[in-house]
């Protein structure tokens, strides 16, 4: 039995500039991400150390294959990493 959440969460824009939802590249990236989630190619890693960066996490997992996208999510007010 899968322990994946029944509903999919949407993530806020992580870019440094303003979010733009209408551009073709943003729509394409969103479709790619949704397809990857649907195919079960998304991995969630818990209990990351507070100094873990996306670059370091990607480096550690590249030994298992190509990494298309890597994000380290943080809680906005505390900066605590959670996945």
PDB file of N, CA and C in Angstrom:
ATOM      1  N   UNK A   1       0.846  -1.183   0.000  1.00  0.00           N
ATOM      2  CA  UNK A   1       0.000   0.000   0.000  1.00  0.00           C
ATOM      3  C   UNK A   1       0.887   1.239   0.000  1.00  0.00           C
ATOM      4  N   UNK A   2       0.574   2.163  -0.854  1.00  0.00           N
ATOM      5  CA  UNK A   2       1.357   3.386  -0.963  1.00  0.00           C
ATOM      6  C   UNK A   2       1.105   4.303   0.218  1.00  0.00           C
ATOM      7  N   UNK A   3       2.171   4.936   0.695  1.00  0.00           N
ATOM      8  CA  UNK A   3       2.023   5.909   1.777  1.00  0.00           C
ATOM      9  C   UNK A   3       2.075   7.329   1.238  1.00  0.00           C
ATOM     10  N   UNK A   4       1.969   7.470  -0.069  1.00  0.00           N
ATOM     11  CA  UNK A   4       1.973   8.797  -0.676  1.00  0.00           C
ATOM     12  C   UNK A   4       0.690   9.525  -0.315  1.00  0.00           C
ATOM     13  N   UNK A   5       0.766  10.851  -0.187  1.00  0.00           N
ATOM     14  CA  UNK A   5      -0.452  11.595   0.127  1.00  0.00           C
ATOM     15  C   UNK A   5      -1.492  11.430  -0.972  1.00  0.00           C
ATOM     16  N   UNK A   6      -2.749  11.368  -0.591  1.00  0.00           N
ATOM     17  CA  UNK A   6      -3.830  11.192  -1.554  1.00  0.00           C
ATOM     18  C   UNK A   6      -3.977  12.419  -2.445  1.00  0.00           C
ATOM     19  N   UNK A   7      -3.708  13.581  -1.912  1.00  0.00           N
ATOM     20  CA  UNK A   7      -3.809  14.802  -2.704  1.00  0.00           C
ATOM     21  C   UNK A   7      -2.419  15.323  -3.001  1.00  0.00           C
ATOM     22  N   UNK A   8      -2.310  15.971  -4.120  1.00  0.00           N
ATOM     23  CA  UNK A   8      -1.017  16.543  -4.498  1.00  0.00           C
ATOM     24  C   UNK A   8      -0.937  17.964  -4.000  1.00  0.00           C
ATOM     25  N   UNK A   9       0.188  18.297  -3.442  1.00  0.00           N
ATOM     26  CA  UNK A   9       0.408  19.657  -2.962  1.00  0.00           C
ATOM     27  C   UNK A   9       1.018  20.482  -4.069  1.00  0.00           C
ATOM     28  N   UNK A  10       0.648  21.738  -4.125  1.00  0.00           N
ATOM     29  CA  UNK A  10       1.290  22.636  -5.077  1.00  0.00           C
ATOM     30  C   UNK A  10       2.289  23.480  -4.314  1.00  0.00           C
ATOM     31  N   UNK A  11       3.432  23.700  -4.918  1.00  0.00           N
ATOM     32  CA  UNK A  11       4.486  24.448  -4.263  1.00  0.00           C
ATOM     33  C   UNK A  11       4.516  25.864  -4.802  1.00  0.00           C
ATOM     34  N   UNK A  12       4.850  26.781  -3.945  1.00  0.00           N
ATOM     35  CA  UNK A  12       4.932  28.166  -4.359  1.00  0.00           C
ATOM     36  C   UNK A  12       6.159  28.367  -5.227  1.00  0.00           C
ATOM     37  N   UNK A  13       6.163  29.420  -5.954  1.00  0.00           N
ATOM     38  CA  UNK A  13       7.264  29.727  -6.855  1.00  0.00           C
ATOM     39  C   UNK A  13       8.542  29.905  -6.048  1.00  0.00           C
ATOM     40  N   UNK A  14       9.595  29.203  -6.426  1.00  0.00           N
ATOM     41  CA  UNK A  14      10.854  29.255  -5.697  1.00  0.00           C
ATOM     42  C   UNK A  14      11.879  30.152  -6.382  1.00  0.00           C
ATOM     43  N   UNK A  15      11.510  30.763  -7.498  1.00  0.00           N
ATOM     44  CA  UNK A  15      12.490  31.572  -8.221  1.00  0.00           C
ATOM     45  C   UNK A  15      12.760  32.876  -7.489  1.00  0.00           C
ATOM     46  N   UNK A  16      13.853  33.502  -7.837  1.00  0.00           N
ATOM     47  CA  UNK A  16      14.233  34.756  -7.170  1.00  0.00           C
ATOM     48  C   UNK A  16      13.409  35.929  -7.681  1.00  0.00           C
ATOM     49  N   UNK A  17      12.936  35.832  -8.907  1.00  0.00           N
ATOM     50  CA  UNK A  17      12.123  36.897  -9.482  1.00  0.00           C
ATOM     51  C   UNK A  17      10.658  36.647  -9.200  1.00  0.00           C
ATOM     52  N   UNK A  18       9.797  37.497  -9.753  1.00  0.00           N
ATOM     53  CA  UNK A  18       8.365  37.306  -9.545  1.00  0.00           C
ATOM     54  C   UNK A  18       7.873  36.058 -10.266  1.00  0.00           C
ATOM     55  N   UNK A  19       6.869  35.409  -9.720  1.00  0.00           N
ATOM     56  CA  UNK A  19       6.288  34.221 -10.344  1.00  0.00           C
ATOM     57  C   UNK A  19       5.507  34.638 -11.578  1.00  0.00           C
ATOM     58  N   UNK A  20       5.670  33.900 -12.634  1.00  0.00           N
ATOM     59  CA  UNK A  20       4.864  34.141 -13.822  1.00  0.00           C
ATOM     60  C   UNK A  20       4.269  32.812 -14.238  1.00  0.00           C
ATOM     61  N   UNK A  21       2.968  32.704 -14.175  1.00  0.00           N
ATOM     62  CA  UNK A  21       2.303  31.441 -14.453  1.00  0.00           C
ATOM     63  C   UNK A  21       1.968  31.244 -15.920  1.00  0.00           C
ATOM     64  N   UNK A  22       1.981  32.307 -16.714  1.00  0.00           N
ATOM     65  CA  UNK A  22       1.486  32.206 -18.068  1.00  0.00           C
ATOM     66  C   UNK A  22       2.516  31.942 -19.138  1.00  0.00           C
ATOM     67  N   UNK A  23       3.786  32.024 -18.848  1.00  0.00           N
ATOM     68  CA  UNK A  23       4.796  31.854 -19.887  1.00  0.00           C
ATOM     69  C   UNK A  23       4.884  30.396 -20.310  1.00  0.00           C
ATOM     70  N   UNK A  24       5.190  30.155 -21.588  1.00  0.00           N
ATOM     71  CA  UNK A  24       5.281  28.770 -22.070  1.00  0.00           C
ATOM     72  C   UNK A  24       6.291  27.928 -21.301  1.00  0.00           C
ATOM     73  N   UNK A  25       7.434  28.502 -20.930  1.00  0.00           N
ATOM     74  CA  UNK A  25       8.444  27.713 -20.221  1.00  0.00           C
ATOM     75  C   UNK A  25       7.956  27.304 -18.838  1.00  0.00           C
ATOM     76  N   UNK A  26       7.208  28.169 -18.164  1.00  0.00           N
ATOM     77  CA  UNK A  26       6.666  27.839 -16.845  1.00  0.00           C
ATOM     78  C   UNK A  26       5.606  26.759 -16.981  1.00  0.00           C
ATOM     79  N   UNK A  27       4.739  26.888 -17.991  1.00  0.00           N
ATOM     80  CA  UNK A  27       3.705  25.864 -18.208  1.00  0.00           C
ATOM     81  C   UNK A  27       4.344  24.521 -18.536  1.00  0.00           C
ATOM     82  N   UNK A  28       5.388  24.533 -19.366  1.00  0.00           N
ATOM     83  CA  UNK A  28       6.074  23.296 -19.732  1.00  0.00           C
ATOM     84  C   UNK A  28       6.713  22.648 -18.504  1.00  0.00           C
ATOM     85  N   UNK A  29       7.361  23.446 -17.677  1.00  0.00           N
ATOM     86  CA  UNK A  29       7.994  22.916 -16.462  1.00  0.00           C
ATOM     87  C   UNK A  29       6.947  22.322 -15.532  1.00  0.00           C
ATOM     88  N   UNK A  30       5.804  22.977 -15.395  1.00  0.00           N
ATOM     89  CA  UNK A  30       4.738  22.477 -14.527  1.00  0.00           C
ATOM     90  C   UNK A  30       4.205  21.135 -15.052  1.00  0.00           C
ATOM     91  N   UNK A  31       4.016  21.027 -16.366  1.00  0.00           N
ATOM     92  CA  UNK A  31       3.534  19.772 -16.949  1.00  0.00           C
ATOM     93  C   UNK A  31       4.547  18.652 -16.735  1.00  0.00           C
ATOM     94  N   UNK A  32       5.836  18.967 -16.916  1.00  0.00           N
ATOM     95  CA  UNK A  32       6.892  17.968 -16.700  1.00  0.00           C
ATOM     96  C   UNK A  32       6.879  17.474 -15.265  1.00  0.00           C
ATOM     97  N   UNK A  33       6.738  18.407 -14.315  1.00  0.00           N
ATOM     98  CA  UNK A  33       6.728  18.057 -12.902  1.00  0.00           C
ATOM     99  C   UNK A  33       5.509  17.193 -12.566  1.00  0.00           C
ATOM    100  N   UNK A  34       4.339  17.566 -13.077  1.00  0.00           N
ATOM    101  CA  UNK A  34       3.125  16.790 -12.820  1.00  0.00           C
ATOM    102  C   UNK A  34       3.230  15.394 -13.416  1.00  0.00           C
ATOM    103  N   UNK A  35       3.826  15.273 -14.595  1.00  0.00           N
ATOM    104  CA  UNK A  35       4.015  13.966 -15.217  1.00  0.00           C
ATOM    105  C   UNK A  35       4.949  13.102 -14.375  1.00  0.00           C
ATOM    106  N   UNK A  36       6.031  13.696 -13.884  1.00  0.00           N
ATOM    107  CA  UNK A  36       6.981  12.950 -13.050  1.00  0.00           C
ATOM    108  C   UNK A  36       6.310  12.451 -11.777  1.00  0.00           C
ATOM    109  N   UNK A  37       5.482  13.284 -11.167  1.00  0.00           N
ATOM    110  CA  UNK A  37       4.774  12.874  -9.956  1.00  0.00           C
ATOM    111  C   UNK A  37       3.841  11.720 -10.279  1.00  0.00           C
ATOM    112  N   UNK A  38       3.101  11.840 -11.373  1.00  0.00           N
ATOM    113  CA  UNK A  38       2.161  10.794 -11.775  1.00  0.00           C
ATOM    114  C   UNK A  38       2.848   9.475 -12.083  1.00  0.00           C
ATOM    115  N   UNK A  39       4.057   9.521 -12.591  1.00  0.00           N
ATOM    116  CA  UNK A  39       4.804   8.310 -12.922  1.00  0.00           C
ATOM    117  C   UNK A  39       5.587   7.766 -11.735  1.00  0.00           C
ATOM    118  N   UNK A  40       5.513   8.423 -10.603  1.00  0.00           N
ATOM    119  CA  UNK A  40       6.216   7.935  -9.420  1.00  0.00           C
ATOM    120  C   UNK A  40       7.713   8.155  -9.459  1.00  0.00           C
ATOM    121  N   UNK A  41       8.173   9.179 -10.166  1.00  0.00           N
ATOM    122  CA  UNK A  41       9.607   9.443 -10.263  1.00  0.00           C
ATOM    123  C   UNK A  41      10.060  10.533  -9.310  1.00  0.00           C
ATOM    124  N   UNK A  42       9.242  10.886  -8.355  1.00  0.00           N
ATOM    125  CA  UNK A  42       9.578  11.930  -7.394  1.00  0.00           C
ATOM    126  C   UNK A  42       9.955  11.266  -6.078  1.00  0.00           C
ATOM    127  N   UNK A  43      11.073  11.680  -5.514  1.00  0.00           N
ATOM    128  CA  UNK A  43      11.555  11.117  -4.253  1.00  0.00           C
ATOM    129  C   UNK A  43      11.519  12.206  -3.192  1.00  0.00           C
ATOM    130  N   UNK A  44      10.976  11.880  -2.046  1.00  0.00           N
ATOM    131  CA  UNK A  44      10.915  12.817  -0.921  1.00  0.00           C
ATOM    132  C   UNK A  44      11.901  12.331   0.134  1.00  0.00           C
ATOM    133  N   UNK A  45      12.823  13.181   0.528  1.00  0.00           N
ATOM    134  CA  UNK A  45      13.839  12.827   1.522  1.00  0.00           C
ATOM    135  C   UNK A  45      13.563  13.627   2.784  1.00  0.00           C
ATOM    136  N   UNK A  46      13.433  12.937   3.909  1.00  0.00           N
ATOM    137  CA  UNK A  46      13.125  13.601   5.181  1.00  0.00           C
ATOM    138  C   UNK A  46      14.376  13.760   6.032  1.00  0.00           C
ATOM    139  N   UNK A  47      14.218  14.548   7.085  1.00  0.00           N
ATOM    140  CA  UNK A  47      15.251  14.720   8.116  1.00  0.00           C
ATOM    141  C   UNK A  47      16.586  15.210   7.557  1.00  0.00           C
ATOM    142  N   UNK A  48      16.518  16.206   6.699  1.00  0.00           N
ATOM    143  CA  UNK A  48      17.748  16.783   6.157  1.00  0.00           C
ATOM    144  C   UNK A  48      18.427  17.636   7.219  1.00  0.00           C
ATOM    145  N   UNK A  49      19.735  17.679   7.176  1.00  0.00           N
ATOM    146  CA  UNK A  49      20.459  18.534   8.114  1.00  0.00           C
ATOM    147  C   UNK A  49      20.195  19.994   7.773  1.00  0.00           C
ATOM    148  N   UNK A  50      20.363  20.851   8.735  1.00  0.00           N
ATOM    149  CA  UNK A  50      20.045  22.269   8.534  1.00  0.00           C
ATOM    150  C   UNK A  50      20.963  22.943   7.518  1.00  0.00           C
ATOM    151  N   UNK A  51      22.128  22.363   7.249  1.00  0.00           N
ATOM    152  CA  UNK A  51      23.047  22.976   6.285  1.00  0.00           C
ATOM    153  C   UNK A  51      23.000  22.313   4.904  1.00  0.00           C
ATOM    154  N   UNK A  52      22.038  21.415   4.674  1.00  0.00           N
ATOM    155  CA  UNK A  52      21.934  20.722   3.387  1.00  0.00           C
ATOM    156  C   UNK A  52      21.433  21.685   2.308  1.00  0.00           C
ATOM    157  N   UNK A  53      22.132  21.720   1.191  1.00  0.00           N
ATOM    158  CA  UNK A  53      21.727  22.563   0.061  1.00  0.00           C
ATOM    159  C   UNK A  53      21.207  21.666  -1.062  1.00  0.00           C
ATOM    160  N   UNK A  54      20.492  22.264  -1.991  1.00  0.00           N
ATOM    161  CA  UNK A  54      20.006  21.513  -3.154  1.00  0.00           C
ATOM    162  C   UNK A  54      21.176  20.928  -3.935  1.00  0.00           C
ATOM    163  N   UNK A  55      22.239  21.707  -4.066  1.00  0.00           N
ATOM    164  CA  UNK A  55      23.424  21.255  -4.804  1.00  0.00           C
ATOM    165  C   UNK A  55      24.053  20.020  -4.146  1.00  0.00           C
ATOM    166  N   UNK A  56      24.183  20.044  -2.828  1.00  0.00           N
ATOM    167  CA  UNK A  56      24.777  18.911  -2.110  1.00  0.00           C
ATOM    168  C   UNK A  56      23.872  17.682  -2.179  1.00  0.00           C
ATOM    169  N   UNK A  57      22.577  17.868  -2.020  1.00  0.00           N
ATOM    170  CA  UNK A  57      21.638  16.747  -2.094  1.00  0.00           C
ATOM    171  C   UNK A  57      21.684  16.111  -3.479  1.00  0.00           C
ATOM    172  N   UNK A  58      21.716  16.930  -4.510  1.00  0.00           N
ATOM    173  CA  UNK A  58      21.805  16.424  -5.878  1.00  0.00           C
ATOM    174  C   UNK A  58      23.100  15.647  -6.081  1.00  0.00           C
ATOM    175  N   UNK A  59      24.203  16.180  -5.591  1.00  0.00           N
ATOM    176  CA  UNK A  59      25.503  15.508  -5.728  1.00  0.00           C
ATOM    177  C   UNK A  59      25.469  14.122  -5.095  1.00  0.00           C
ATOM    178  N   UNK A  60      24.846  14.022  -3.933  1.00  0.00           N
ATOM    179  CA  UNK A  60      24.792  12.734  -3.232  1.00  0.00           C
ATOM    180  C   UNK A  60      23.921  11.703  -3.938  1.00  0.00           C
ATOM    181  N   UNK A  61      22.878  12.138  -4.621  1.00  0.00           N
ATOM    182  CA  UNK A  61      21.973  11.205  -5.284  1.00  0.00           C
ATOM    183  C   UNK A  61      22.360  10.914  -6.729  1.00  0.00           C
ATOM    184  N   UNK A  62      23.256  11.689  -7.321  1.00  0.00           N
ATOM    185  CA  UNK A  62      23.649  11.468  -8.712  1.00  0.00           C
ATOM    186  C   UNK A  62      24.317  10.118  -8.933  1.00  0.00           C
ATOM    187  N   UNK A  63      24.849   9.508  -7.900  1.00  0.00           N
ATOM    188  CA  UNK A  63      25.464   8.189  -8.062  1.00  0.00           C
ATOM    189  C   UNK A  63      24.422   7.140  -8.466  1.00  0.00           C
ATOM    190  N   UNK A  64      23.128   7.420  -8.236  1.00  0.00           N
ATOM    191  CA  UNK A  64      22.063   6.479  -8.570  1.00  0.00           C
ATOM    192  C   UNK A  64      21.467   6.734  -9.945  1.00  0.00           C
ATOM    193  N   UNK A  65      21.825   7.838 -10.583  1.00  0.00           N
ATOM    194  CA  UNK A  65      21.299   8.158 -11.906  1.00  0.00           C
ATOM    195  C   UNK A  65      21.131   9.656 -12.079  1.00  0.00           C
ATOM    196  N   UNK A  66      20.628  10.028 -13.242  1.00  0.00           N
ATOM    197  CA  UNK A  66      20.447  11.442 -13.568  1.00  0.00           C
ATOM    198  C   UNK A  66      19.382  12.070 -12.671  1.00  0.00           C
ATOM    199  N   UNK A  67      19.668  13.259 -12.168  1.00  0.00           N
ATOM    200  CA  UNK A  67      18.722  14.032 -11.364  1.00  0.00           C
ATOM    201  C   UNK A  67      18.221  15.166 -12.247  1.00  0.00           C
ATOM    202  N   UNK A  68      16.928  15.202 -12.502  1.00  0.00           N
ATOM    203  CA  UNK A  68      16.353  16.230 -13.363  1.00  0.00           C
ATOM    204  C   UNK A  68      16.133  17.518 -12.594  1.00  0.00           C
ATOM    205  N   UNK A  69      15.641  17.409 -11.372  1.00  0.00           N
ATOM    206  CA  UNK A  69      15.346  18.590 -10.560  1.00  0.00           C
ATOM    207  C   UNK A  69      15.554  18.221  -9.102  1.00  0.00           C
ATOM    208  N   UNK A  70      16.079  19.153  -8.336  1.00  0.00           N
ATOM    209  CA  UNK A  70      16.306  18.915  -6.917  1.00  0.00           C
ATOM    210  C   UNK A  70      15.952  20.180  -6.150  1.00  0.00           C
ATOM    211  N   UNK A  71      15.077  20.049  -5.162  1.00  0.00           N
ATOM    212  CA  UNK A  71      14.682  21.188  -4.334  1.00  0.00           C
ATOM    213  C   UNK A  71      14.801  20.797  -2.873  1.00  0.00           C
ATOM    214  N   UNK A  72      15.324  21.694  -2.075  1.00  0.00           N
ATOM    215  CA  UNK A  72      15.304  21.533  -0.622  1.00  0.00           C
ATOM    216  C   UNK A  72      14.287  22.542  -0.118  1.00  0.00           C
ATOM    217  N   UNK A  73      13.203  22.052   0.450  1.00  0.00           N
ATOM    218  CA  UNK A  73      12.115  22.914   0.907  1.00  0.00           C
ATOM    219  C   UNK A  73      12.370  23.385   2.327  1.00  0.00           C
ATOM    220  N   UNK A  74      12.003  24.626   2.592  1.00  0.00           N
ATOM    221  CA  UNK A  74      12.190  25.185   3.934  1.00  0.00           C
ATOM    222  C   UNK A  74      10.885  25.773   4.437  1.00  0.00           C
ATOM    223  N   UNK A  75      10.751  25.782   5.736  1.00  0.00           N
ATOM    224  CA  UNK A  75       9.621  26.466   6.349  1.00  0.00           C
ATOM    225  C   UNK A  75       9.955  27.950   6.304  1.00  0.00           C
ATOM    226  N   UNK A  76       9.034  28.748   5.839  1.00  0.00           N
ATOM    227  CA  UNK A  76       9.329  30.145   5.516  1.00  0.00           C
ATOM    228  C   UNK A  76       9.819  30.975   6.692  1.00  0.00           C
ATOM    229  N   UNK A  77       9.220  30.854   7.851  1.00  0.00           N
ATOM    230  CA  UNK A  77       9.596  31.737   8.956  1.00  0.00           C
ATOM    231  C   UNK A  77      10.863  31.284   9.672  1.00  0.00           C
ATOM    232  N   UNK A  78      11.039  29.978   9.822  1.00  0.00           N
ATOM    233  CA  UNK A  78      12.185  29.480  10.582  1.00  0.00           C
ATOM    234  C   UNK A  78      13.374  29.091   9.718  1.00  0.00           C
ATOM    235  N   UNK A  79      13.152  28.888   8.424  1.00  0.00           N
ATOM    236  CA  UNK A  79      14.231  28.454   7.552  1.00  0.00           C
ATOM    237  C   UNK A  79      14.617  27.005   7.782  1.00  0.00           C
ATOM    238  N   UNK A  80      13.803  26.265   8.531  1.00  0.00           N
ATOM    239  CA  UNK A  80      14.062  24.857   8.833  1.00  0.00           C
ATOM    240  C   UNK A  80      13.773  24.012   7.596  1.00  0.00           C
ATOM    241  N   UNK A  81      14.689  23.136   7.246  1.00  0.00           N
ATOM    242  CA  UNK A  81      14.523  22.290   6.066  1.00  0.00           C
ATOM    243  C   UNK A  81      13.655  21.092   6.426  1.00  0.00           C
ATOM    244  N   UNK A  82      12.710  20.763   5.532  1.00  0.00           N
ATOM    245  CA  UNK A  82      11.826  19.646   5.844  1.00  0.00           C
ATOM    246  C   UNK A  82      11.687  18.638   4.724  1.00  0.00           C
ATOM    247  N   UNK A  83      12.312  18.827   3.595  1.00  0.00           N
ATOM    248  CA  UNK A  83      12.202  17.821   2.550  1.00  0.00           C
ATOM    249  C   UNK A  83      12.745  18.304   1.247  1.00  0.00           C
TER     250      UNK A  83
END
